[in-house]
Each structure stands twice: as C-alpha cells, then as structure tokens.
Amino acid sequence: MWRAANDSLPTKLNLFTRHILPDNVYSLCEEHPEDAIHCLWLCDMVKCIWLSDPIFSLPRSKHFRSFGDLASAVLSDTSPAIAALFSMVA
C-alpha cells in the first residue's frame, strides 16, 4: 500500500512517463490511463469489489485525486478495523 500511496507502482502511466512503454491506457478497461487511483479504486472493473461492502460507502462518496489522498482519508477518518480491511483489499 505504501508504494500505491506514494505513486511508486510500475503502472503504465509511470512507465509511459519514463518513455518505457508506448502508451498508458489501462488494459482492463482500455478507457483511462493506468495509475494507482484508477486501477485500485475508480475503474469499473474494480468498483464492484468496493461496492460489495457497505463499510466503504463513505469513501466512495468522495472524490480523490490520488491513491495517497484516498488512503490518507480512509486511515484517518475510519475505525482501525475498517482501515485494516481497506489495507488488505487495496
């Protein structure tokens, strides 16, 4: 989770920015750039995981610019049990 929160994952967007890959489009949805917030939270392909448990309804109702912002909000605004569950699922 630390790597995702600090934008240190080898996502297609990060690799494209470093001129390693020719494109940055997420291969699962083929609609948006592959960055941590999209892959782990925003993509329709993964939303079903987060929507399956009502304890994540509060974070789903807010907009986050990065996975780091999301993780910070969940870890500071929820109970330790929810924060632990989020950390395992993410």
PDB file of N, CA and C in Angstrom:
ATOM      1  N   MET A   1       0.822  -1.182   0.000  1.00  0.00           N
ATOM      2  CA  MET A   1       0.000   0.000   0.000  1.00  0.00           C
ATOM      3  C   MET A   1       0.871   1.252   0.000  1.00  0.00           C
ATOM      4  N   TRP A   2       2.042   1.193   0.624  1.00  0.00           N
ATOM      5  CA  TRP A   2       2.923   2.356   0.650  1.00  0.00           C
ATOM      6  C   TRP A   2       3.291   2.776  -0.769  1.00  0.00           C
ATOM      7  N   ARG A   3       3.616   1.802  -1.609  1.00  0.00           N
ATOM      8  CA  ARG A   3       4.006   2.131  -2.990  1.00  0.00           C
ATOM      9  C   ARG A   3       2.851   2.754  -3.758  1.00  0.00           C
ATOM     10  N   ALA A   4       1.645   2.256  -3.564  1.00  0.00           N
ATOM     11  CA  ALA A   4       0.484   2.835  -4.243  1.00  0.00           C
ATOM     12  C   ALA A   4       0.230   4.251  -3.747  1.00  0.00           C
ATOM     13  N   ALA A   5       0.300   4.454  -2.446  1.00  0.00           N
ATOM     14  CA  ALA A   5       0.039   5.774  -1.867  1.00  0.00           C
ATOM     15  C   ALA A   5       1.088   6.799  -2.274  1.00  0.00           C
ATOM     16  N   ASN A   6       2.276   6.353  -2.587  1.00  0.00           N
ATOM     17  CA  ASN A   6       3.353   7.262  -2.980  1.00  0.00           C
ATOM     18  C   ASN A   6       3.627   7.250  -4.482  1.00  0.00           C
ATOM     19  N   ASP A   7       2.686   6.733  -5.247  1.00  0.00           N
ATOM     20  CA  ASP A   7       2.782   6.672  -6.706  1.00  0.00           C
ATOM     21  C   ASP A   7       4.082   6.014  -7.162  1.00  0.00           C
ATOM     22  N   SER A   8       4.452   4.940  -6.480  1.00  0.00           N
ATOM     23  CA  SER A   8       5.694   4.233  -6.792  1.00  0.00           C
ATOM     24  C   SER A   8       5.467   2.881  -7.455  1.00  0.00           C
ATOM     25  N   LEU A   9       4.242   2.573  -7.810  1.00  0.00           N
ATOM     26  CA  LEU A   9       3.969   1.317  -8.508  1.00  0.00           C
ATOM     27  C   LEU A   9       4.380   1.450  -9.975  1.00  0.00           C
ATOM     28  N   PRO A  10       4.807   0.370 -10.599  1.00  0.00           N
ATOM     29  CA  PRO A  10       5.164   0.441 -12.019  1.00  0.00           C
ATOM     30  C   PRO A  10       3.914   0.410 -12.908  1.00  0.00           C
ATOM     31  N   THR A  11       3.069   1.411 -12.749  1.00  0.00           N
ATOM     32  CA  THR A  11       1.855   1.498 -13.563  1.00  0.00           C
ATOM     33  C   THR A  11       2.228   1.908 -14.982  1.00  0.00           C
ATOM     34  N   LYS A  12       1.313   1.685 -15.900  1.00  0.00           N
ATOM     35  CA  LYS A  12       1.577   2.066 -17.281  1.00  0.00           C
ATOM     36  C   LYS A  12       1.804   3.573 -17.401  1.00  0.00           C
ATOM     37  N   LEU A  13       1.091   4.361 -16.603  1.00  0.00           N
ATOM     38  CA  LEU A  13       1.290   5.810 -16.655  1.00  0.00           C
ATOM     39  C   LEU A  13       2.708   6.175 -16.224  1.00  0.00           C
ATOM     40  N   ASN A  14       3.179   5.586 -15.130  1.00  0.00           N
ATOM     41  CA  ASN A  14       4.542   5.873 -14.677  1.00  0.00           C
ATOM     42  C   ASN A  14       5.582   5.399 -15.693  1.00  0.00           C
ATOM     43  N   LEU A  15       5.375   4.232 -16.271  1.00  0.00           N
ATOM     44  CA  LEU A  15       6.320   3.714 -17.264  1.00  0.00           C
ATOM     45  C   LEU A  15       6.263   4.517 -18.562  1.00  0.00           C
ATOM     46  N   PHE A  16       5.084   4.972 -18.942  1.00  0.00           N
ATOM     47  CA  PHE A  16       4.936   5.819 -20.125  1.00  0.00           C
ATOM     48  C   PHE A  16       5.645   7.156 -19.911  1.00  0.00           C
ATOM     49  N   THR A  17       5.501   7.718 -18.718  1.00  0.00           N
ATOM     50  CA  THR A  17       6.153   8.986 -18.390  1.00  0.00           C
ATOM     51  C   THR A  17       7.675   8.862 -18.500  1.00  0.00           C
ATOM     52  N   ARG A  18       8.200   7.695 -18.196  1.00  0.00           N
ATOM     53  CA  ARG A  18       9.652   7.452 -18.265  1.00  0.00           C
ATOM     54  C   ARG A  18      10.081   6.924 -19.648  1.00  0.00           C
ATOM     55  N   HIS A  19       9.168   6.968 -20.622  1.00  0.00           N
ATOM     56  CA  HIS A  19       9.436   6.543 -22.001  1.00  0.00           C
ATOM     57  C   HIS A  19       9.823   5.066 -22.094  1.00  0.00           C
ATOM     58  N   ILE A  20       9.224   4.244 -21.238  1.00  0.00           N
ATOM     59  CA  ILE A  20       9.482   2.802 -21.260  1.00  0.00           C
ATOM     60  C   ILE A  20       8.394   2.080 -22.051  1.00  0.00           C
ATOM     61  N   LEU A  21       7.158   2.564 -21.956  1.00  0.00           N
ATOM     62  CA  LEU A  21       6.036   1.982 -22.697  1.00  0.00           C
ATOM     63  C   LEU A  21       5.504   2.982 -23.717  1.00  0.00           C
ATOM     64  N   PRO A  22       4.925   2.490 -24.821  1.00  0.00           N
ATOM     65  CA  PRO A  22       4.411   3.397 -25.850  1.00  0.00           C
ATOM     66  C   PRO A  22       3.052   4.024 -25.525  1.00  0.00           C
ATOM     67  N   ASP A  23       2.317   3.462 -24.563  1.00  0.00           N
ATOM     68  CA  ASP A  23       1.023   4.039 -24.193  1.00  0.00           C
ATOM     69  C   ASP A  23       0.791   3.850 -22.700  1.00  0.00           C
ATOM     70  N   ASN A  24      -0.232   4.549 -22.193  1.00  0.00           N
ATOM     71  CA  ASN A  24      -0.521   4.488 -20.755  1.00  0.00           C
ATOM     72  C   ASN A  24      -1.927   3.991 -20.449  1.00  0.00           C
ATOM     73  N   VAL A  25      -2.611   3.426 -21.429  1.00  0.00           N
ATOM     74  CA  VAL A  25      -4.005   3.020 -21.269  1.00  0.00           C
ATOM     75  C   VAL A  25      -4.094   1.718 -20.469  1.00  0.00           C
ATOM     76  N   TYR A  26      -4.985   1.717 -19.488  1.00  0.00           N
ATOM     77  CA  TYR A  26      -5.196   0.552 -18.624  1.00  0.00           C
ATOM     78  C   TYR A  26      -5.787  -0.578 -19.453  1.00  0.00           C
ATOM     79  N   SER A  27      -5.159  -1.729 -19.457  1.00  0.00           N
ATOM     80  CA  SER A  27      -5.566  -2.827 -20.335  1.00  0.00           C
ATOM     81  C   SER A  27      -6.879  -3.494 -19.930  1.00  0.00           C
ATOM     82  N   LEU A  28      -7.307  -3.378 -18.674  1.00  0.00           N
ATOM     83  CA  LEU A  28      -8.577  -3.994 -18.275  1.00  0.00           C
ATOM     84  C   LEU A  28      -9.780  -3.254 -18.845  1.00  0.00           C
ATOM     85  N   CYS A  29      -9.769  -1.945 -18.772  1.00  0.00           N
ATOM     86  CA  CYS A  29     -10.926  -1.187 -19.262  1.00  0.00           C
ATOM     87  C   CYS A  29     -10.658  -0.531 -20.614  1.00  0.00           C
ATOM     88  N   GLU A  30      -9.409  -0.335 -20.954  1.00  0.00           N
ATOM     89  CA  GLU A  30      -8.992   0.302 -22.202  1.00  0.00           C
ATOM     90  C   GLU A  30      -9.641   1.664 -22.413  1.00  0.00           C
ATOM     91  N   GLU A  31      -9.873   2.395 -21.312  1.00  0.00           N
ATOM     92  CA  GLU A  31     -10.513   3.704 -21.406  1.00  0.00           C
ATOM     93  C   GLU A  31      -9.726   4.827 -20.745  1.00  0.00           C
ATOM     94  N   HIS A  32      -8.961   4.512 -19.703  1.00  0.00           N
ATOM     95  CA  HIS A  32      -8.303   5.542 -18.902  1.00  0.00           C
ATOM     96  C   HIS A  32      -6.834   5.205 -18.701  1.00  0.00           C
ATOM     97  N   PRO A  33      -6.023   6.212 -18.372  1.00  0.00           N
ATOM     98  CA  PRO A  33      -4.626   5.919 -18.046  1.00  0.00           C
ATOM     99  C   PRO A  33      -4.525   5.011 -16.822  1.00  0.00           C
ATOM    100  N   GLU A  34      -3.537   4.137 -16.833  1.00  0.00           N
ATOM    101  CA  GLU A  34      -3.329   3.210 -15.726  1.00  0.00           C
ATOM    102  C   GLU A  34      -2.470   3.881 -14.655  1.00  0.00           C
ATOM    103  N   ASP A  35      -3.132   4.421 -13.643  1.00  0.00           N
ATOM    104  CA  ASP A  35      -2.433   4.918 -12.462  1.00  0.00           C
ATOM    105  C   ASP A  35      -3.047   4.232 -11.250  1.00  0.00           C
ATOM    106  N   ALA A  36      -2.455   4.425 -10.089  1.00  0.00           N
ATOM    107  CA  ALA A  36      -2.888   3.681  -8.902  1.00  0.00           C
ATOM    108  C   ALA A  36      -4.338   3.963  -8.532  1.00  0.00           C
ATOM    109  N   ILE A  37      -4.765   5.217  -8.566  1.00  0.00           N
ATOM    110  CA  ILE A  37      -6.135   5.545  -8.152  1.00  0.00           C
ATOM    111  C   ILE A  37      -7.150   4.909  -9.106  1.00  0.00           C
ATOM    112  N   HIS A  38      -6.827   4.870 -10.390  1.00  0.00           N
ATOM    113  CA  HIS A  38      -7.765   4.264 -11.338  1.00  0.00           C
ATOM    114  C   HIS A  38      -7.789   2.741 -11.189  1.00  0.00           C
ATOM    115  N   CYS A  39      -6.620   2.130 -11.147  1.00  0.00           N
ATOM    116  CA  CYS A  39      -6.541   0.657 -11.068  1.00  0.00           C
ATOM    117  C   CYS A  39      -7.137   0.095  -9.792  1.00  0.00           C
ATOM    118  N   LEU A  40      -6.934   0.791  -8.693  1.00  0.00           N
ATOM    119  CA  LEU A  40      -7.324   0.239  -7.397  1.00  0.00           C
ATOM    120  C   LEU A  40      -8.633   0.783  -6.846  1.00  0.00           C
ATOM    121  N   TRP A  41      -9.199   1.835  -7.467  1.00  0.00           N
ATOM    122  CA  TRP A  41     -10.378   2.462  -6.873  1.00  0.00           C
ATOM    123  C   TRP A  41     -11.432   2.894  -7.883  1.00  0.00           C
ATOM    124  N   LEU A  42     -11.038   3.553  -8.974  1.00  0.00           N
ATOM    125  CA  LEU A  42     -12.010   4.183  -9.866  1.00  0.00           C
ATOM    126  C   LEU A  42     -12.519   3.314 -11.011  1.00  0.00           C
ATOM    127  N   CYS A  43     -11.720   2.389 -11.468  1.00  0.00           N
ATOM    128  CA  CYS A  43     -12.093   1.599 -12.639  1.00  0.00           C
ATOM    129  C   CYS A  43     -13.363   0.787 -12.372  1.00  0.00           C
ATOM    130  N   ASP A  44     -14.238   0.757 -13.355  1.00  0.00           N
ATOM    131  CA  ASP A  44     -15.479  -0.014 -13.219  1.00  0.00           C
ATOM    132  C   ASP A  44     -15.202  -1.497 -12.969  1.00  0.00           C
ATOM    133  N   MET A  45     -14.049  -1.970 -13.416  1.00  0.00           N
ATOM    134  CA  MET A  45     -13.702  -3.382 -13.233  1.00  0.00           C
ATOM    135  C   MET A  45     -13.413  -3.711 -11.766  1.00  0.00           C
ATOM    136  N   VAL A  46     -13.039  -2.730 -10.955  1.00  0.00           N
ATOM    137  CA  VAL A  46     -12.742  -2.983  -9.537  1.00  0.00           C
ATOM    138  C   VAL A  46     -13.770  -2.368  -8.586  1.00  0.00           C
ATOM    139  N   LYS A  47     -14.607  -1.473  -9.093  1.00  0.00           N
ATOM    140  CA  LYS A  47     -15.622  -0.852  -8.230  1.00  0.00           C
ATOM    141  C   LYS A  47     -16.515  -1.885  -7.562  1.00  0.00           C
ATOM    142  N   CYS A  48     -16.803  -2.972  -8.254  1.00  0.00           N
ATOM    143  CA  CYS A  48     -17.697  -3.994  -7.694  1.00  0.00           C
ATOM    144  C   CYS A  48     -17.143  -4.566  -6.393  1.00  0.00           C
ATOM    145  N   ILE A  49     -15.837  -4.624  -6.267  1.00  0.00           N
ATOM    146  CA  ILE A  49     -15.232  -5.121  -5.027  1.00  0.00           C
ATOM    147  C   ILE A  49     -15.534  -4.163  -3.884  1.00  0.00           C
ATOM    148  N   TRP A  50     -15.302  -2.869  -4.122  1.00  0.00           N
ATOM    149  CA  TRP A  50     -15.520  -1.869  -3.073  1.00  0.00           C
ATOM    150  C   TRP A  50     -17.005  -1.678  -2.787  1.00  0.00           C
ATOM    151  N   LEU A  51     -17.841  -1.779  -3.802  1.00  0.00           N
ATOM    152  CA  LEU A  51     -19.279  -1.584  -3.605  1.00  0.00           C
ATOM    153  C   LEU A  51     -19.942  -2.780  -2.931  1.00  0.00           C
ATOM    154  N   SER A  52     -19.259  -3.913  -2.900  1.00  0.00           N
ATOM    155  CA  SER A  52     -19.856  -5.109  -2.304  1.00  0.00           C
ATOM    156  C   SER A  52     -19.942  -5.030  -0.782  1.00  0.00           C
ATOM    157  N   ASP A  53     -19.230  -4.091  -0.178  1.00  0.00           N
ATOM    158  CA  ASP A  53     -19.264  -3.954   1.281  1.00  0.00           C
ATOM    159  C   ASP A  53     -19.672  -2.529   1.650  1.00  0.00           C
ATOM    160  N   PRO A  54     -20.783  -2.363   2.350  1.00  0.00           N
ATOM    161  CA  PRO A  54     -21.280  -1.019   2.678  1.00  0.00           C
ATOM    162  C   PRO A  54     -20.350  -0.196   3.566  1.00  0.00           C
ATOM    163  N   ILE A  55     -19.367  -0.814   4.203  1.00  0.00           N
ATOM    164  CA  ILE A  55     -18.479  -0.015   5.054  1.00  0.00           C
ATOM    165  C   ILE A  55     -17.612   0.929   4.234  1.00  0.00           C
ATOM    166  N   PHE A  56     -17.510   0.700   2.931  1.00  0.00           N
ATOM    167  CA  PHE A  56     -16.727   1.588   2.078  1.00  0.00           C
ATOM    168  C   PHE A  56     -17.592   2.617   1.363  1.00  0.00           C
ATOM    169  N   SER A  57     -18.839   2.795   1.791  1.00  0.00           N
ATOM    170  CA  SER A  57     -19.718   3.757   1.132  1.00  0.00           C
ATOM    171  C   SER A  57     -19.274   5.197   1.358  1.00  0.00           C
ATOM    172  N   LEU A  58     -18.744   5.527   2.530  1.00  0.00           N
ATOM    173  CA  LEU A  58     -18.291   6.897   2.783  1.00  0.00           C
ATOM    174  C   LEU A  58     -17.133   7.278   1.868  1.00  0.00           C
ATOM    175  N   PRO A  59     -16.059   6.478   1.801  1.00  0.00           N
ATOM    176  CA  PRO A  59     -15.002   6.850   0.865  1.00  0.00           C
ATOM    177  C   PRO A  59     -15.477   6.893  -0.582  1.00  0.00           C
ATOM    178  N   ARG A  60     -16.450   6.053  -0.961  1.00  0.00           N
ATOM    179  CA  ARG A  60     -16.943   6.042  -2.342  1.00  0.00           C
ATOM    180  C   ARG A  60     -17.667   7.340  -2.668  1.00  0.00           C
ATOM    181  N   SER A  61     -18.191   8.037  -1.653  1.00  0.00           N
ATOM    182  CA  SER A  61     -18.959   9.253  -1.916  1.00  0.00           C
ATOM    183  C   SER A  61     -18.070  10.478  -2.113  1.00  0.00           C
ATOM    184  N   LYS A  62     -16.772  10.346  -1.926  1.00  0.00           N
ATOM    185  CA  LYS A  62     -15.847  11.473  -2.078  1.00  0.00           C
ATOM    186  C   LYS A  62     -14.979  11.276  -3.315  1.00  0.00           C
ATOM    187  N   HIS A  63     -14.416  12.382  -3.791  1.00  0.00           N
ATOM    188  CA  HIS A  63     -13.512  12.329  -4.942  1.00  0.00           C
ATOM    189  C   HIS A  63     -12.074  12.488  -4.453  1.00  0.00           C
ATOM    190  N   PHE A  64     -11.199  11.630  -4.926  1.00  0.00           N
ATOM    191  CA  PHE A  64      -9.793  11.680  -4.537  1.00  0.00           C
ATOM    192  C   PHE A  64      -8.935  11.828  -5.785  1.00  0.00           C
ATOM    193  N   ARG A  65      -7.946  12.704  -5.713  1.00  0.00           N
ATOM    194  CA  ARG A  65      -7.064  12.956  -6.853  1.00  0.00           C
ATOM    195  C   ARG A  65      -5.980  11.891  -6.993  1.00  0.00           C
ATOM    196  N   SER A  66      -5.661  11.226  -5.892  1.00  0.00           N
ATOM    197  CA  SER A  66      -4.612  10.208  -5.938  1.00  0.00           C
ATOM    198  C   SER A  66      -4.943   9.098  -4.947  1.00  0.00           C
ATOM    199  N   PHE A  67      -4.269   7.972  -5.109  1.00  0.00           N
ATOM    200  CA  PHE A  67      -4.472   6.884  -4.164  1.00  0.00           C
ATOM    201  C   PHE A  67      -3.952   7.275  -2.790  1.00  0.00           C
ATOM    202  N   GLY A  68      -2.936   8.104  -2.749  1.00  0.00           N
ATOM    203  CA  GLY A  68      -2.418   8.596  -1.470  1.00  0.00           C
ATOM    204  C   GLY A  68      -3.459   9.392  -0.711  1.00  0.00           C
ATOM    205  N   ASP A  69      -4.222  10.238  -1.425  1.00  0.00           N
ATOM    206  CA  ASP A  69      -5.304  11.003  -0.791  1.00  0.00           C
ATOM    207  C   ASP A  69      -6.379  10.065  -0.250  1.00  0.00           C
ATOM    208  N   LEU A  70      -6.733   9.067  -1.034  1.00  0.00           N
ATOM    209  CA  LEU A  70      -7.731   8.085  -0.612  1.00  0.00           C
ATOM    210  C   LEU A  70      -7.259   7.329   0.624  1.00  0.00           C
ATOM    211  N   ALA A  71      -6.047   6.810   0.581  1.00  0.00           N
ATOM    212  CA  ALA A  71      -5.515   6.044   1.713  1.00  0.00           C
ATOM    213  C   ALA A  71      -5.444   6.900   2.966  1.00  0.00           C
ATOM    214  N   SER A  72      -5.011   8.134   2.809  1.00  0.00           N
ATOM    215  CA  SER A  72      -4.925   9.039   3.955  1.00  0.00           C
ATOM    216  C   SER A  72      -6.298   9.269   4.573  1.00  0.00           C
ATOM    217  N   ALA A  73      -7.304   9.481   3.731  1.00  0.00           N
ATOM    218  CA  ALA A  73      -8.662   9.710   4.231  1.00  0.00           C
ATOM    219  C   ALA A  73      -9.203   8.472   4.943  1.00  0.00           C
ATOM    220  N   VAL A  74      -9.019   7.316   4.341  1.00  0.00           N
ATOM    221  CA  VAL A  74      -9.532   6.086   4.956  1.00  0.00           C
ATOM    222  C   VAL A  74      -8.824   5.812   6.278  1.00  0.00           C
ATOM    223  N   LEU A  75      -7.520   5.965   6.302  1.00  0.00           N
ATOM    224  CA  LEU A  75      -6.764   5.660   7.515  1.00  0.00           C
ATOM    225  C   LEU A  75      -7.031   6.649   8.642  1.00  0.00           C
ATOM    226  N   SER A  76      -7.367   7.899   8.303  1.00  0.00           N
ATOM    227  CA  SER A  76      -7.589   8.893   9.356  1.00  0.00           C
ATOM    228  C   SER A  76      -9.059   9.074   9.732  1.00  0.00           C
ATOM    229  N   ASP A  77      -9.975   8.766   8.813  1.00  0.00           N
ATOM    230  CA  ASP A  77     -11.394   9.051   9.054  1.00  0.00           C
ATOM    231  C   ASP A  77     -12.235   7.825   9.383  1.00  0.00           C
ATOM    232  N   THR A  78     -11.628   6.658   9.473  1.00  0.00           N
ATOM    233  CA  THR A  78     -12.403   5.447   9.749  1.00  0.00           C
ATOM    234  C   THR A  78     -11.839   4.734  10.976  1.00  0.00           C
ATOM    235  N   SER A  79     -12.538   3.715  11.382  1.00  0.00           N
ATOM    236  CA  SER A  79     -12.090   2.930  12.540  1.00  0.00           C
ATOM    237  C   SER A  79     -10.856   2.107  12.167  1.00  0.00           C
ATOM    238  N   PRO A  80     -10.092   1.673  13.155  1.00  0.00           N
ATOM    239  CA  PRO A  80      -8.931   0.819  12.864  1.00  0.00           C
ATOM    240  C   PRO A  80      -9.305  -0.465  12.117  1.00  0.00           C
ATOM    241  N   ALA A  81     -10.462  -1.020  12.401  1.00  0.00           N
ATOM    242  CA  ALA A  81     -10.888  -2.249  11.716  1.00  0.00           C
ATOM    243  C   ALA A  81     -11.139  -1.992  10.229  1.00  0.00           C
ATOM    244  N   ILE A  82     -11.798  -0.877   9.907  1.00  0.00           N
ATOM    245  CA  ILE A  82     -12.063  -0.541   8.504  1.00  0.00           C
ATOM    246  C   ILE A  82     -10.758  -0.200   7.796  1.00  0.00           C
ATOM    247  N   ALA A  83      -9.878   0.530   8.473  1.00  0.00           N
ATOM    248  CA  ALA A  83      -8.581   0.870   7.889  1.00  0.00           C
ATOM    249  C   ALA A  83      -7.781  -0.392   7.583  1.00  0.00           C
ATOM    250  N   ALA A  84      -7.828  -1.368   8.473  1.00  0.00           N
ATOM    251  CA  ALA A  84      -7.111  -2.626   8.253  1.00  0.00           C
ATOM    252  C   ALA A  84      -7.712  -3.393   7.079  1.00  0.00           C
ATOM    253  N   LEU A  85      -9.035  -3.432   6.992  1.00  0.00           N
ATOM    254  CA  LEU A  85      -9.694  -4.116   5.885  1.00  0.00           C
ATOM    255  C   LEU A  85      -9.355  -3.438   4.559  1.00  0.00           C
ATOM    256  N   PHE A  86      -9.399  -2.117   4.536  1.00  0.00           N
ATOM    257  CA  PHE A  86      -9.036  -1.365   3.335  1.00  0.00           C
ATOM    258  C   PHE A  86      -7.607  -1.700   2.910  1.00  0.00           C
ATOM    259  N   SER A  87      -6.703  -1.730   3.863  1.00  0.00           N
ATOM    260  CA  SER A  87      -5.298  -2.020   3.563  1.00  0.00           C
ATOM    261  C   SER A  87      -5.127  -3.411   2.967  1.00  0.00           C
ATOM    262  N   MET A  88      -5.894  -4.371   3.442  1.00  0.00           N
ATOM    263  CA  MET A  88      -5.800  -5.728   2.905  1.00  0.00           C
ATOM    264  C   MET A  88      -6.396  -5.822   1.509  1.00  0.00           C
ATOM    265  N   VAL A  89      -7.532  -5.167   1.284  1.00  0.00           N
ATOM    266  CA  VAL A  89      -8.195  -5.258  -0.012  1.00  0.00           C
ATOM    267  C   VAL A  89      -7.432  -4.469  -1.062  1.00  0.00           C
ATOM    268  N   ALA A  90      -6.943  -3.303  -0.688  1.00  0.00           N
ATOM    269  CA  ALA A  90      -6.212  -2.464  -1.642  1.00  0.00           C
ATOM    270  C   ALA A  90      -4.919  -3.130  -2.024  1.00  0.00           C
TER     271      ALA A  90
END
